[in-house]
PDB file of N, CA and C in Angstrom:
ATOM      1  N   MET A   1     123.349  93.878  37.807  1.00  0.00           N
ATOM      2  CA  MET A   1     123.780  95.251  37.901  1.00  0.00           C
ATOM      3  C   MET A   1     122.724  96.050  38.639  1.00  0.00           C
ATOM      4  N   GLY A   2     123.074  96.573  39.705  1.00  0.00           N
ATOM      5  CA  GLY A   2     122.126  97.361  40.464  1.00  0.00           C
ATOM      6  C   GLY A   2     122.316  98.835  40.222  1.00  0.00           C
ATOM      7  N   GLY A   3     121.248  99.534  40.043  1.00  0.00           N
ATOM      8  CA  GLY A   3     121.284 100.972  39.861  1.00  0.00           C
ATOM      9  C   GLY A   3     120.811 101.642  41.137  1.00  0.00           C
ATOM     10  N   ARG A   4     120.225 102.768  40.980  1.00  0.00           N
ATOM     11  CA  ARG A   4     119.683 103.493  42.133  1.00  0.00           C
ATOM     12  C   ARG A   4     118.522 102.714  42.731  1.00  0.00           C
ATOM     13  N   ARG A   5     118.513 102.581  43.984  1.00  0.00           N
ATOM     14  CA  ARG A   5     117.446 101.901  44.740  1.00  0.00           C
ATOM     15  C   ARG A   5     117.170 100.484  44.211  1.00  0.00           C
ATOM     16  N   GLY A   6     118.223  99.824  43.701  1.00  0.00           N
ATOM     17  CA  GLY A   6     118.072  98.450  43.255  1.00  0.00           C
ATOM     18  C   GLY A   6     117.409  98.277  41.903  1.00  0.00           C
ATOM     19  N   GLU A   7     117.102  99.366  41.201  1.00  0.00           N
ATOM     20  CA  GLU A   7     116.493  99.276  39.878  1.00  0.00           C
ATOM     21  C   GLU A   7     117.580  99.078  38.823  1.00  0.00           C
ATOM     22  N   PRO A   8     117.290  98.355  37.770  1.00  0.00           N
ATOM     23  CA  PRO A   8     118.303  98.150  36.727  1.00  0.00           C
ATOM     24  C   PRO A   8     118.730  99.474  36.102  1.00  0.00           C
ATOM     25  N   SER A   9     120.016  99.605  35.827  1.00  0.00           N
ATOM     26  CA  SER A   9     120.512 100.834  35.213  1.00  0.00           C
ATOM     27  C   SER A   9     120.810 100.639  33.728  1.00  0.00           C
ATOM     28  N   VAL A  10     120.776  99.396  33.270  1.00  0.00           N
ATOM     29  CA  VAL A  10     121.074  99.092  31.880  1.00  0.00           C
ATOM     30  C   VAL A  10     120.104  98.029  31.383  1.00  0.00           C
ATOM     31  N   VAL A  11     119.682  98.195  30.130  1.00  0.00           N
ATOM     32  CA  VAL A  11     118.856  97.184  29.478  1.00  0.00           C
ATOM     33  C   VAL A  11     119.572  96.806  28.191  1.00  0.00           C
ATOM     34  N   ILE A  12     119.745  95.528  27.962  1.00  0.00           N
ATOM     35  CA  ILE A  12     120.380  95.052  26.733  1.00  0.00           C
ATOM     36  C   ILE A  12     119.312  94.348  25.916  1.00  0.00           C
ATOM     37  N   MET A  13     119.154  94.831  24.679  1.00  0.00           N
ATOM     38  CA  MET A  13     118.181  94.220  23.780  1.00  0.00           C
ATOM     39  C   MET A  13     118.681  94.363  22.353  1.00  0.00           C
ATOM     40  N   SER A  14     118.166  93.535  21.488  1.00  0.00           N
ATOM     41  CA  SER A  14     118.572  93.607  20.080  1.00  0.00           C
ATOM     42  C   SER A  14     118.035  94.895  19.456  1.00  0.00           C
ATOM     43  N   MET A  15     118.677  95.303  18.367  1.00  0.00           N
ATOM     44  CA  MET A  15     118.222  96.504  17.663  1.00  0.00           C
ATOM     45  C   MET A  15     116.796  96.316  17.158  1.00  0.00           C
ATOM     46  N   LYS A  16     116.470  95.119  16.670  1.00  0.00           N
ATOM     47  CA  LYS A  16     115.117  94.841  16.179  1.00  0.00           C
ATOM     48  C   LYS A  16     114.105  95.002  17.306  1.00  0.00           C
ATOM     49  N   ASP A  17     114.389  94.428  18.484  1.00  0.00           N
ATOM     50  CA  ASP A  17     113.475  94.556  19.616  1.00  0.00           C
ATOM     51  C   ASP A  17     113.323  96.014  20.037  1.00  0.00           C
ATOM     52  N   TYR A  18     114.446  96.759  20.008  1.00  0.00           N
ATOM     53  CA  TYR A  18     114.398  98.182  20.367  1.00  0.00           C
ATOM     54  C   TYR A  18     113.498  98.940  19.393  1.00  0.00           C
ATOM     55  N   MET A  19     113.715  98.716  18.094  1.00  0.00           N
ATOM     56  CA  MET A  19     112.922  99.429  17.095  1.00  0.00           C
ATOM     57  C   MET A  19     111.451  99.044  17.180  1.00  0.00           C
ATOM     58  N   ASP A  20     111.169  97.753  17.380  1.00  0.00           N
ATOM     59  CA  ASP A  20     109.781  97.306  17.498  1.00  0.00           C
ATOM     60  C   ASP A  20     109.097  97.921  18.712  1.00  0.00           C
ATOM     61  N   THR A  21     109.859  98.125  19.782  1.00  0.00           N
ATOM     62  CA  THR A  21     109.295  98.646  21.027  1.00  0.00           C
ATOM     63  C   THR A  21     109.175 100.168  21.029  1.00  0.00           C
ATOM     64  N   PHE A  22     110.241 100.854  20.617  1.00  0.00           N
ATOM     65  CA  PHE A  22     110.279 102.303  20.770  1.00  0.00           C
ATOM     66  C   PHE A  22     110.049 103.093  19.486  1.00  0.00           C
ATOM     67  N   ALA A  23     110.162 102.459  18.349  1.00  0.00           N
ATOM     68  CA  ALA A  23     109.951 103.162  17.078  1.00  0.00           C
ATOM     69  C   ALA A  23     109.315 102.208  16.072  1.00  0.00           C
ATOM     70  N   PRO A  24     108.107 101.749  16.358  1.00  0.00           N
ATOM     71  CA  PRO A  24     107.472 100.795  15.439  1.00  0.00           C
ATOM     72  C   PRO A  24     107.232 101.427  14.067  1.00  0.00           C
ATOM     73  N   ALA A  25     107.325 100.601  13.046  1.00  0.00           N
ATOM     74  CA  ALA A  25     107.110 101.068  11.676  1.00  0.00           C
ATOM     75  C   ALA A  25     105.648 101.446  11.483  1.00  0.00           C
ATOM     76  N   PRO A  26     105.394 102.498  10.700  1.00  0.00           N
ATOM     77  CA  PRO A  26     104.004 102.862  10.397  1.00  0.00           C
ATOM     78  C   PRO A  26     103.303 101.722   9.659  1.00  0.00           C
ATOM     79  N   GLN A  27     102.007 101.700   9.744  1.00  0.00           N
ATOM     80  CA  GLN A  27     101.198 100.643   9.132  1.00  0.00           C
ATOM     81  C   GLN A  27     101.453 100.545   7.625  1.00  0.00           C
ATOM     82  N   GLU A  28     101.623 101.690   6.962  1.00  0.00           N
ATOM     83  CA  GLU A  28     101.861 101.695   5.521  1.00  0.00           C
ATOM     84  C   GLU A  28     103.166 100.986   5.179  1.00  0.00           C
ATOM     85  N   LEU A  29     104.213 101.224   5.974  1.00  0.00           N
ATOM     86  CA  LEU A  29     105.499 100.587   5.732  1.00  0.00           C
ATOM     87  C   LEU A  29     105.401  99.084   5.948  1.00  0.00           C
ATOM     88  N   CYS A  30     104.681  98.665   6.957  1.00  0.00           N
ATOM     89  CA  CYS A  30     104.476  97.234   7.196  1.00  0.00           C
ATOM     90  C   CYS A  30     103.771  96.588   6.010  1.00  0.00           C
ATOM     91  N   ALA A  31     102.797  97.289   5.437  1.00  0.00           N
ATOM     92  CA  ALA A  31     102.070  96.769   4.275  1.00  0.00           C
ATOM     93  C   ALA A  31     102.997  96.661   3.067  1.00  0.00           C
ATOM     94  N   MET A  32     103.861  97.668   2.859  1.00  0.00           N
ATOM     95  CA  MET A  32     104.798  97.624   1.736  1.00  0.00           C
ATOM     96  C   MET A  32     105.790  96.479   1.904  1.00  0.00           C
ATOM     97  N   ARG A  33     106.269  96.265   3.124  1.00  0.00           N
ATOM     98  CA  ARG A  33     107.202  95.161   3.374  1.00  0.00           C
ATOM     99  C   ARG A  33     106.536  93.812   3.097  1.00  0.00           C
ATOM    100  N   ALA A  34     105.288  93.675   3.503  1.00  0.00           N
ATOM    101  CA  ALA A  34     104.562  92.424   3.276  1.00  0.00           C
ATOM    102  C   ALA A  34     104.382  92.169   1.773  1.00  0.00           C
ATOM    103  N   THR A  35     104.058  93.213   1.017  1.00  0.00           N
ATOM    104  CA  THR A  35     103.902  93.085  -0.430  1.00  0.00           C
ATOM    105  C   THR A  35     105.224  92.707  -1.081  1.00  0.00           C
ATOM    106  N   ALA A  36     106.306  93.346  -0.657  1.00  0.00           N
ATOM    107  CA  ALA A  36     107.628  93.044  -1.211  1.00  0.00           C
ATOM    108  C   ALA A  36     108.012  91.596  -0.937  1.00  0.00           C
ATOM    109  N   LYS A  37     107.716  91.123   0.249  1.00  0.00           N
ATOM    110  CA  LYS A  37     108.037  89.743   0.604  1.00  0.00           C
ATOM    111  C   LYS A  37     107.195  88.770  -0.229  1.00  0.00           C
ATOM    112  N   ARG A  38     105.909  89.096  -0.395  1.00  0.00           N
ATOM    113  CA  ARG A  38     105.001  88.225  -1.142  1.00  0.00           C
ATOM    114  C   ARG A  38     105.391  88.146  -2.622  1.00  0.00           C
ATOM    115  N   THR A  39     105.841  89.265  -3.195  1.00  0.00           N
ATOM    116  CA  THR A  39     106.188  89.296  -4.622  1.00  0.00           C
ATOM    117  C   THR A  39     107.641  88.934  -4.884  1.00  0.00           C
ATOM    118  N   GLY A  40     108.436  88.850  -3.830  1.00  0.00           N
ATOM    119  CA  GLY A  40     109.849  88.518  -3.996  1.00  0.00           C
ATOM    120  C   GLY A  40     110.733  89.711  -4.280  1.00  0.00           C
ATOM    121  N   SER A  41     110.154  90.902  -4.365  1.00  0.00           N
ATOM    122  CA  SER A  41     110.958  92.088  -4.668  1.00  0.00           C
ATOM    123  C   SER A  41     111.857  92.492  -3.495  1.00  0.00           C
ATOM    124  N   ASN A  42     111.651  91.902  -2.337  1.00  0.00           N
ATOM    125  CA  ASN A  42     112.521  92.181  -1.197  1.00  0.00           C
ATOM    126  C   ASN A  42     113.900  91.553  -1.374  1.00  0.00           C
ATOM    127  N   LYS A  43     114.056  90.722  -2.403  1.00  0.00           N
ATOM    128  CA  LYS A  43     115.340  90.057  -2.638  1.00  0.00           C
ATOM    129  C   LYS A  43     116.142  90.723  -3.754  1.00  0.00           C
ATOM    130  N   LEU A  44     115.643  91.838  -4.290  1.00  0.00           N
ATOM    131  CA  LEU A  44     116.361  92.549  -5.343  1.00  0.00           C
ATOM    132  C   LEU A  44     117.592  93.240  -4.755  1.00  0.00           C
ATOM    133  N   SER A  45     118.670  93.255  -5.531  1.00  0.00           N
ATOM    134  CA  SER A  45     119.881  93.960  -5.107  1.00  0.00           C
ATOM    135  C   SER A  45     119.706  95.455  -5.384  1.00  0.00           C
ATOM    136  N   PRO A  46     120.506  96.307  -4.742  1.00  0.00           N
ATOM    137  CA  PRO A  46     120.424  97.743  -5.040  1.00  0.00           C
ATOM    138  C   PRO A  46     120.652  98.039  -6.530  1.00  0.00           C
ATOM    139  N   GLY A  47     121.553  97.297  -7.176  1.00  0.00           N
ATOM    140  CA  GLY A  47     121.796  97.502  -8.603  1.00  0.00           C
ATOM    141  C   GLY A  47     120.581  97.170  -9.447  1.00  0.00           C
ATOM    142  N   GLN A  48     119.886  96.081  -9.093  1.00  0.00           N
ATOM    143  CA  GLN A  48     118.675  95.698  -9.822  1.00  0.00           C
ATOM    144  C   GLN A  48     117.593  96.764  -9.642  1.00  0.00           C
ATOM    145  N   ILE A  49     117.474  97.284  -8.442  1.00  0.00           N
ATOM    146  CA  ILE A  49     116.476  98.329  -8.166  1.00  0.00           C
ATOM    147  C   ILE A  49     116.793  99.573  -8.984  1.00  0.00           C
ATOM    148  N   ASP A  50     118.081  99.964  -9.038  1.00  0.00           N
ATOM    149  CA  ASP A  50     118.477 101.141  -9.820  1.00  0.00           C
ATOM    150  C   ASP A  50     118.107 100.983 -11.292  1.00  0.00           C
ATOM    151  N   LYS A  51     118.311  99.785 -11.848  1.00  0.00           N
ATOM    152  CA  LYS A  51     117.977  99.546 -13.251  1.00  0.00           C
ATOM    153  C   LYS A  51     116.473  99.666 -13.486  1.00  0.00           C
ATOM    154  N   ILE A  52     115.684  99.111 -12.581  1.00  0.00           N
ATOM    155  CA  ILE A  52     114.221  99.186 -12.707  1.00  0.00           C
ATOM    156  C   ILE A  52     113.758 100.634 -12.629  1.00  0.00           C
ATOM    157  N   VAL A  53     114.299 101.380 -11.696  1.00  0.00           N
ATOM    158  CA  VAL A  53     113.925 102.794 -11.537  1.00  0.00           C
ATOM    159  C   VAL A  53     114.278 103.572 -12.801  1.00  0.00           C
ATOM    160  N   ALA A  54     115.450 103.314 -13.369  1.00  0.00           N
ATOM    161  CA  ALA A  54     115.864 104.017 -14.583  1.00  0.00           C
ATOM    162  C   ALA A  54     114.910 103.735 -15.733  1.00  0.00           C
ATOM    163  N   VAL A  55     114.494 102.475 -15.894  1.00  0.00           N
ATOM    164  CA  VAL A  55     113.562 102.109 -16.973  1.00  0.00           C
ATOM    165  C   VAL A  55     112.221 102.817 -16.774  1.00  0.00           C
ATOM    166  N   VAL A  56     111.706 102.791 -15.560  1.00  0.00           N
ATOM    167  CA  VAL A  56     110.405 103.419 -15.290  1.00  0.00           C
ATOM    168  C   VAL A  56     110.483 104.919 -15.511  1.00  0.00           C
ATOM    169  N   ARG A  57     111.556 105.548 -15.047  1.00  0.00           N
ATOM    170  CA  ARG A  57     111.705 106.997 -15.255  1.00  0.00           C
ATOM    171  C   ARG A  57     111.768 107.333 -16.741  1.00  0.00           C
ATOM    172  N   LYS A  58     112.467 106.506 -17.515  1.00  0.00           N
ATOM    173  CA  LYS A  58     112.577 106.752 -18.947  1.00  0.00           C
ATOM    174  C   LYS A  58     111.211 106.639 -19.617  1.00  0.00           C
ATOM    175  N   GLU A  59     110.425 105.647 -19.201  1.00  0.00           N
ATOM    176  CA  GLU A  59     109.093 105.445 -19.775  1.00  0.00           C
ATOM    177  C   GLU A  59     108.142 106.582 -19.406  1.00  0.00           C
ATOM    178  N   GLN A  60     108.320 107.160 -18.240  1.00  0.00           N
ATOM    179  CA  GLN A  60     107.402 108.198 -17.766  1.00  0.00           C
ATOM    180  C   GLN A  60     107.884 109.605 -18.079  1.00  0.00           C
ATOM    181  N   LYS A  61     109.029 109.724 -18.724  1.00  0.00           N
ATOM    182  CA  LYS A  61     109.575 111.047 -19.022  1.00  0.00           C
ATOM    183  C   LYS A  61     108.606 111.795 -19.935  1.00  0.00           C
ATOM    184  N   PRO A  62     108.177 112.981 -19.514  1.00  0.00           N
ATOM    185  CA  PRO A  62     107.226 113.735 -20.339  1.00  0.00           C
ATOM    186  C   PRO A  62     107.898 114.240 -21.616  1.00  0.00           C
ATOM    187  N   SER A  63     107.092 114.344 -22.667  1.00  0.00           N
ATOM    188  CA  SER A  63     107.629 114.873 -23.913  1.00  0.00           C
ATOM    189  C   SER A  63     107.893 116.367 -23.722  1.00  0.00           C
ATOM    190  N   PRO A  64     108.831 116.913 -24.498  1.00  0.00           N
ATOM    191  CA  PRO A  64     109.153 118.337 -24.351  1.00  0.00           C
ATOM    192  C   PRO A  64     107.903 119.198 -24.547  1.00  0.00           C
ATOM    193  N   ALA A  65     107.787 120.223 -23.729  1.00  0.00           N
ATOM    194  CA  ALA A  65     106.635 121.112 -23.805  1.00  0.00           C
ATOM    195  C   ALA A  65     106.638 121.876 -25.115  1.00  0.00           C
ATOM    196  N   LYS A  66     105.481 121.978 -25.721  1.00  0.00           N
ATOM    197  CA  LYS A  66     105.369 122.733 -26.956  1.00  0.00           C
ATOM    198  C   LYS A  66     105.252 124.213 -26.614  1.00  0.00           C
ATOM    199  N   SER A  67     105.824 125.011 -27.448  1.00  0.00           N
ATOM    200  CA  SER A  67     105.809 126.444 -27.222  1.00  0.00           C
ATOM    201  C   SER A  67     104.384 126.988 -27.355  1.00  0.00           C
ATOM    202  N   LEU A  68     104.066 127.905 -26.481  1.00  0.00           N
ATOM    203  CA  LEU A  68     102.756 128.552 -26.552  1.00  0.00           C
ATOM    204  C   LEU A  68     102.779 129.690 -27.567  1.00  0.00           C
ATOM    205  N   TRP A  69     103.969 130.076 -28.011  1.00  0.00           N
ATOM    206  CA  TRP A  69     104.117 131.213 -28.924  1.00  0.00           C
ATOM    207  C   TRP A  69     104.329 130.704 -30.337  1.00  0.00           C
ATOM    208  N   VAL A  70     103.301 130.193 -30.941  1.00  0.00           N
ATOM    209  CA  VAL A  70     103.411 129.653 -32.297  1.00  0.00           C
ATOM    210  C   VAL A  70     103.148 130.710 -33.320  1.00  0.00           C
TER     211      VAL A  70
END
């Protein structure tokens, strides 16, 4: 396919190659992905993740604030 002055007018590449080239993941995200792969948590289903999040939120829920007007 020739474009203007014989230069290509279209480039076909995979979405992964496009993202790696034009929008690379930040270093922190790459580190999180590596940790998830190493621990196996990258294989959790969305439902499993939701259950884990619910348990953690329940455990971290702060106790009701005590009134300052005693």
